[in-house]
Amino acid sequence: MSDIERYINNLDNKWKDSFIQLKQVIDENIPKGFEAEMQYGMPSYVVPLSTYPDGYHCKKDTPLPFISIAAQKKHIAVYHMGVYADQELYQWFTEEYPNHVDTKLNMGKSCIRFTNPKKIPYQLIGELVSKMTVKDWIGKYEKVK
């Protein structure tokens, strides 16, 4: 059993089905080149060191993080580093969000929080995930690091 499978198996039942569906949407829509692995205790999608050997600035031997998902006590979180680094992507997402769900957007710099497992805009998250390639992300990261 992989670490990601173990993480999912240990989720609270309140979040488990939604988390599995969210992960499936990300798996189906994330551009080629990103790899799924556990990073910082969460299922994550990263740029592998074989593609970007410089790694993450905080830890050079750590793959460059892109998206992580976590089930917290009171919410499911999608950490999308591209939204934080790309103002146009952030603006697109925040403007598009109300067209998909009737709850107020609960978002930090890169963290999108869903407190109701029945109110996750899976189609929108799939589209968001698909909008930045590995090459795009490395370019944005290089500009902001």
C-alpha atoms as a PDB file:
ATOM      1  CA  MET A   1       0.000   0.000   0.000  1.00  0.00           C
ATOM      2  CA  SER A   2       1.357   3.432  -0.950  1.00  0.00           C
ATOM      3  CA  ASP A   3       1.626   6.337   1.474  1.00  0.00           C
ATOM      4  CA  ILE A   4      -1.149   8.123  -0.431  1.00  0.00           C
ATOM      5  CA  GLU A   5      -3.445   5.095  -0.124  1.00  0.00           C
ATOM      6  CA  ARG A   6      -2.641   4.903   3.583  1.00  0.00           C
ATOM      7  CA  TYR A   7      -3.469   8.618   3.952  1.00  0.00           C
ATOM      8  CA  ILE A   8      -6.846   8.120   2.228  1.00  0.00           C
ATOM      9  CA  ASN A   9      -7.651   5.007   4.284  1.00  0.00           C
ATOM     10  CA  ASN A  10      -7.133   7.012   7.477  1.00  0.00           C
ATOM     11  CA  LEU A  11      -9.435   9.898   6.521  1.00  0.00           C
ATOM     12  CA  ASP A  12     -12.513  10.760   8.556  1.00  0.00           C
ATOM     13  CA  ASN A  13     -15.590   9.311   6.850  1.00  0.00           C
ATOM     14  CA  LYS A  14     -17.050  12.836   6.569  1.00  0.00           C
ATOM     15  CA  TRP A  15     -14.325  13.755   4.062  1.00  0.00           C
ATOM     16  CA  LYS A  16     -13.288  10.449   2.513  1.00  0.00           C
ATOM     17  CA  ASP A  17     -15.631  10.210  -0.514  1.00  0.00           C
ATOM     18  CA  SER A  18     -15.167  13.884  -1.428  1.00  0.00           C
ATOM     19  CA  PHE A  19     -11.413  13.617  -1.027  1.00  0.00           C
ATOM     20  CA  ILE A  20     -11.274  10.550  -3.278  1.00  0.00           C
ATOM     21  CA  GLN A  21     -13.370  12.313  -5.908  1.00  0.00           C
ATOM     22  CA  LEU A  22     -11.191  15.436  -5.674  1.00  0.00           C
ATOM     23  CA  LYS A  23      -8.015  13.400  -6.097  1.00  0.00           C
ATOM     24  CA  GLN A  24      -9.538  11.588  -9.073  1.00  0.00           C
ATOM     25  CA  VAL A  25     -10.421  14.923 -10.736  1.00  0.00           C
ATOM     26  CA  ILE A  26      -6.868  16.149 -10.218  1.00  0.00           C
ATOM     27  CA  ASP A  27      -5.403  12.870 -11.522  1.00  0.00           C
ATOM     28  CA  GLU A  28      -7.555  13.146 -14.666  1.00  0.00           C
ATOM     29  CA  ASN A  29      -6.739  16.794 -15.383  1.00  0.00           C
ATOM     30  CA  ILE A  30      -3.206  17.511 -14.260  1.00  0.00           C
ATOM     31  CA  PRO A  31      -0.823  18.003 -17.190  1.00  0.00           C
ATOM     32  CA  LYS A  32       1.776  15.349 -17.942  1.00  0.00           C
ATOM     33  CA  GLY A  33       5.060  15.642 -16.085  1.00  0.00           C
ATOM     34  CA  PHE A  34       3.765  16.231 -12.576  1.00  0.00           C
ATOM     35  CA  GLU A  35       4.102  13.262 -10.229  1.00  0.00           C
ATOM     36  CA  ALA A  36       1.964  12.279  -7.252  1.00  0.00           C
ATOM     37  CA  GLU A  37       3.759  11.682  -3.964  1.00  0.00           C
ATOM     38  CA  MET A  38       3.413  12.435  -0.292  1.00  0.00           C
ATOM     39  CA  GLN A  39       4.985  15.776   0.517  1.00  0.00           C
ATOM     40  CA  TYR A  40       4.677  17.643   3.808  1.00  0.00           C
ATOM     41  CA  GLY A  41       2.309  14.938   5.053  1.00  0.00           C
ATOM     42  CA  MET A  42      -0.210  15.404   2.224  1.00  0.00           C
ATOM     43  CA  PRO A  43      -0.876  13.826  -1.156  1.00  0.00           C
ATOM     44  CA  SER A  44       0.864  16.198  -3.533  1.00  0.00           C
ATOM     45  CA  TYR A  45       1.669  16.774  -7.170  1.00  0.00           C
ATOM     46  CA  VAL A  46       5.237  17.859  -7.730  1.00  0.00           C
ATOM     47  CA  VAL A  47       7.795  18.544 -10.420  1.00  0.00           C
ATOM     48  CA  PRO A  48      10.205  15.625  -9.932  1.00  0.00           C
ATOM     49  CA  LEU A  49      13.900  16.261  -9.376  1.00  0.00           C
ATOM     50  CA  SER A  50      14.602  14.434 -12.646  1.00  0.00           C
ATOM     51  CA  THR A  51      12.799  17.295 -14.425  1.00  0.00           C
ATOM     52  CA  TYR A  52      13.840  20.172 -12.163  1.00  0.00           C
ATOM     53  CA  PRO A  53      17.031  19.157 -10.320  1.00  0.00           C
ATOM     54  CA  ASP A  54      17.295  22.500  -8.477  1.00  0.00           C
ATOM     55  CA  GLY A  55      14.409  21.375  -6.276  1.00  0.00           C
ATOM     56  CA  TYR A  56      12.459  23.569  -3.921  1.00  0.00           C
ATOM     57  CA  HIS A  57      14.364  26.563  -2.568  1.00  0.00           C
ATOM     58  CA  CYS A  58      13.683  25.631   1.048  1.00  0.00           C
ATOM     59  CA  LYS A  59      15.137  22.150   0.563  1.00  0.00           C
ATOM     60  CA  LYS A  60      17.176  21.517  -2.569  1.00  0.00           C
ATOM     61  CA  ASP A  61      16.627  17.747  -2.364  1.00  0.00           C
ATOM     62  CA  THR A  62      12.833  18.238  -2.327  1.00  0.00           C
ATOM     63  CA  PRO A  63      10.815  18.158  -5.560  1.00  0.00           C
ATOM     64  CA  LEU A  64       9.169  21.440  -6.523  1.00  0.00           C
ATOM     65  CA  PRO A  65       5.639  21.402  -5.029  1.00  0.00           C
ATOM     66  CA  PHE A  66       2.683  22.383  -7.210  1.00  0.00           C
ATOM     67  CA  ILE A  67      -0.590  21.099  -5.724  1.00  0.00           C
ATOM     68  CA  SER A  68      -1.321  19.387  -2.429  1.00  0.00           C
ATOM     69  CA  ILE A  69      -4.627  18.192  -1.040  1.00  0.00           C
ATOM     70  CA  ALA A  70      -5.454  17.551   2.576  1.00  0.00           C
ATOM     71  CA  ALA A  71      -8.443  16.661   4.702  1.00  0.00           C
ATOM     72  CA  GLN A  72      -8.216  18.781   7.820  1.00  0.00           C
ATOM     73  CA  LYS A  73     -10.491  18.597  10.844  1.00  0.00           C
ATOM     74  CA  LYS A  74     -12.940  21.226   9.514  1.00  0.00           C
ATOM     75  CA  HIS A  75     -12.276  21.323   5.772  1.00  0.00           C
ATOM     76  CA  ILE A  76     -10.684  19.853   2.674  1.00  0.00           C
ATOM     77  CA  ALA A  77      -7.856  22.026   1.397  1.00  0.00           C
ATOM     78  CA  VAL A  78      -6.403  22.351  -2.068  1.00  0.00           C
ATOM     79  CA  TYR A  79      -3.022  24.054  -1.963  1.00  0.00           C
ATOM     80  CA  HIS A  80      -2.338  25.335  -5.486  1.00  0.00           C
ATOM     81  CA  MET A  81       1.005  27.116  -5.749  1.00  0.00           C
ATOM     82  CA  GLY A  82       0.224  28.287  -9.290  1.00  0.00           C
ATOM     83  CA  VAL A  83      -2.702  30.397  -8.051  1.00  0.00           C
ATOM     84  CA  TYR A  84      -0.327  32.092  -5.628  1.00  0.00           C
ATOM     85  CA  ALA A  85       2.334  32.773  -8.271  1.00  0.00           C
ATOM     86  CA  ASP A  86       0.132  33.747 -11.228  1.00  0.00           C
ATOM     87  CA  GLN A  87      -2.154  36.754 -10.745  1.00  0.00           C
ATOM     88  CA  GLU A  88      -4.084  36.045 -13.963  1.00  0.00           C
ATOM     89  CA  LEU A  89      -4.821  32.479 -12.860  1.00  0.00           C
ATOM     90  CA  TYR A  90      -5.875  33.718  -9.429  1.00  0.00           C
ATOM     91  CA  GLN A  91      -8.194  36.290 -10.979  1.00  0.00           C
ATOM     92  CA  TRP A  92      -9.699  33.740 -13.374  1.00  0.00           C
ATOM     93  CA  PHE A  93     -10.356  31.302 -10.534  1.00  0.00           C
ATOM     94  CA  THR A  94     -11.880  33.845  -8.135  1.00  0.00           C
ATOM     95  CA  GLU A  95     -14.152  35.219 -10.875  1.00  0.00           C
ATOM     96  CA  GLU A  96     -15.187  31.762 -12.099  1.00  0.00           C
ATOM     97  CA  TYR A  97     -15.836  30.255  -8.658  1.00  0.00           C
ATOM     98  CA  PRO A  98     -19.318  31.818  -8.106  1.00  0.00           C
ATOM     99  CA  ASN A  99     -20.464  30.348 -11.438  1.00  0.00           C
ATOM    100  CA  HIS A 100     -19.957  26.823 -10.055  1.00  0.00           C
ATOM    101  CA  VAL A 101     -21.028  26.860  -6.423  1.00  0.00           C
ATOM    102  CA  ASP A 102     -23.258  29.044  -4.245  1.00  0.00           C
ATOM    103  CA  THR A 103     -20.958  29.165  -1.220  1.00  0.00           C
ATOM    104  CA  LYS A 104     -18.548  32.003  -0.561  1.00  0.00           C
ATOM    105  CA  LEU A 105     -14.966  31.342  -1.682  1.00  0.00           C
ATOM    106  CA  ASN A 106     -12.815  30.489   1.359  1.00  0.00           C
ATOM    107  CA  MET A 107      -9.280  31.038   0.178  1.00  0.00           C
ATOM    108  CA  GLY A 108      -5.863  32.109   1.392  1.00  0.00           C
ATOM    109  CA  LYS A 109      -2.846  32.856  -0.803  1.00  0.00           C
ATOM    110  CA  SER A 110      -2.635  29.351  -2.224  1.00  0.00           C
ATOM    111  CA  CYS A 111      -5.109  27.437  -0.066  1.00  0.00           C
ATOM    112  CA  ILE A 112      -8.669  26.835  -1.224  1.00  0.00           C
ATOM    113  CA  ARG A 113     -10.799  25.482   1.642  1.00  0.00           C
ATOM    114  CA  PHE A 114     -14.036  23.527   1.322  1.00  0.00           C
ATOM    115  CA  THR A 115     -15.968  23.198   4.574  1.00  0.00           C
ATOM    116  CA  ASN A 116     -18.954  21.405   3.029  1.00  0.00           C
ATOM    117  CA  PRO A 117     -18.038  18.128   1.292  1.00  0.00           C
ATOM    118  CA  LYS A 118     -21.190  18.465  -0.850  1.00  0.00           C
ATOM    119  CA  LYS A 119     -20.154  21.895  -2.179  1.00  0.00           C
ATOM    120  CA  ILE A 120     -16.875  21.167  -3.959  1.00  0.00           C
ATOM    121  CA  PRO A 121     -16.811  22.435  -7.565  1.00  0.00           C
ATOM    122  CA  TYR A 122     -15.003  19.425  -9.029  1.00  0.00           C
ATOM    123  CA  GLN A 123     -15.334  20.588 -12.644  1.00  0.00           C
ATOM    124  CA  LEU A 124     -13.813  23.969 -11.773  1.00  0.00           C
ATOM    125  CA  ILE A 125     -10.956  22.350  -9.845  1.00  0.00           C
ATOM    126  CA  GLY A 126     -10.298  20.077 -12.818  1.00  0.00           C
ATOM    127  CA  GLU A 127     -10.119  23.083 -15.110  1.00  0.00           C
ATOM    128  CA  LEU A 128      -7.879  24.981 -12.679  1.00  0.00           C
ATOM    129  CA  VAL A 129      -5.499  22.036 -12.427  1.00  0.00           C
ATOM    130  CA  SER A 130      -5.238  21.764 -16.221  1.00  0.00           C
ATOM    131  CA  LYS A 131      -4.271  25.392 -16.817  1.00  0.00           C
ATOM    132  CA  MET A 132      -0.575  25.219 -15.908  1.00  0.00           C
ATOM    133  CA  THR A 133       1.972  22.832 -17.398  1.00  0.00           C
ATOM    134  CA  VAL A 134       5.203  21.748 -15.746  1.00  0.00           C
ATOM    135  CA  LYS A 135       7.093  24.166 -18.008  1.00  0.00           C
ATOM    136  CA  ASP A 136       4.703  27.014 -17.102  1.00  0.00           C
ATOM    137  CA  TRP A 137       5.053  26.268 -13.378  1.00  0.00           C
ATOM    138  CA  ILE A 138       8.848  26.112 -13.468  1.00  0.00           C
ATOM    139  CA  GLY A 139       8.879  29.453 -15.340  1.00  0.00           C
ATOM    140  CA  LYS A 140       6.591  31.103 -12.762  1.00  0.00           C
ATOM    141  CA  TYR A 141       8.571  29.620  -9.898  1.00  0.00           C
ATOM    142  CA  GLU A 142      11.869  30.853 -11.375  1.00  0.00           C
ATOM    143  CA  LYS A 143      10.455  34.389 -11.572  1.00  0.00           C
ATOM    144  CA  VAL A 144       9.237  34.514  -7.964  1.00  0.00           C
ATOM    145  CA  LYS A 145      11.883  32.576  -6.076  1.00  0.00           C
END
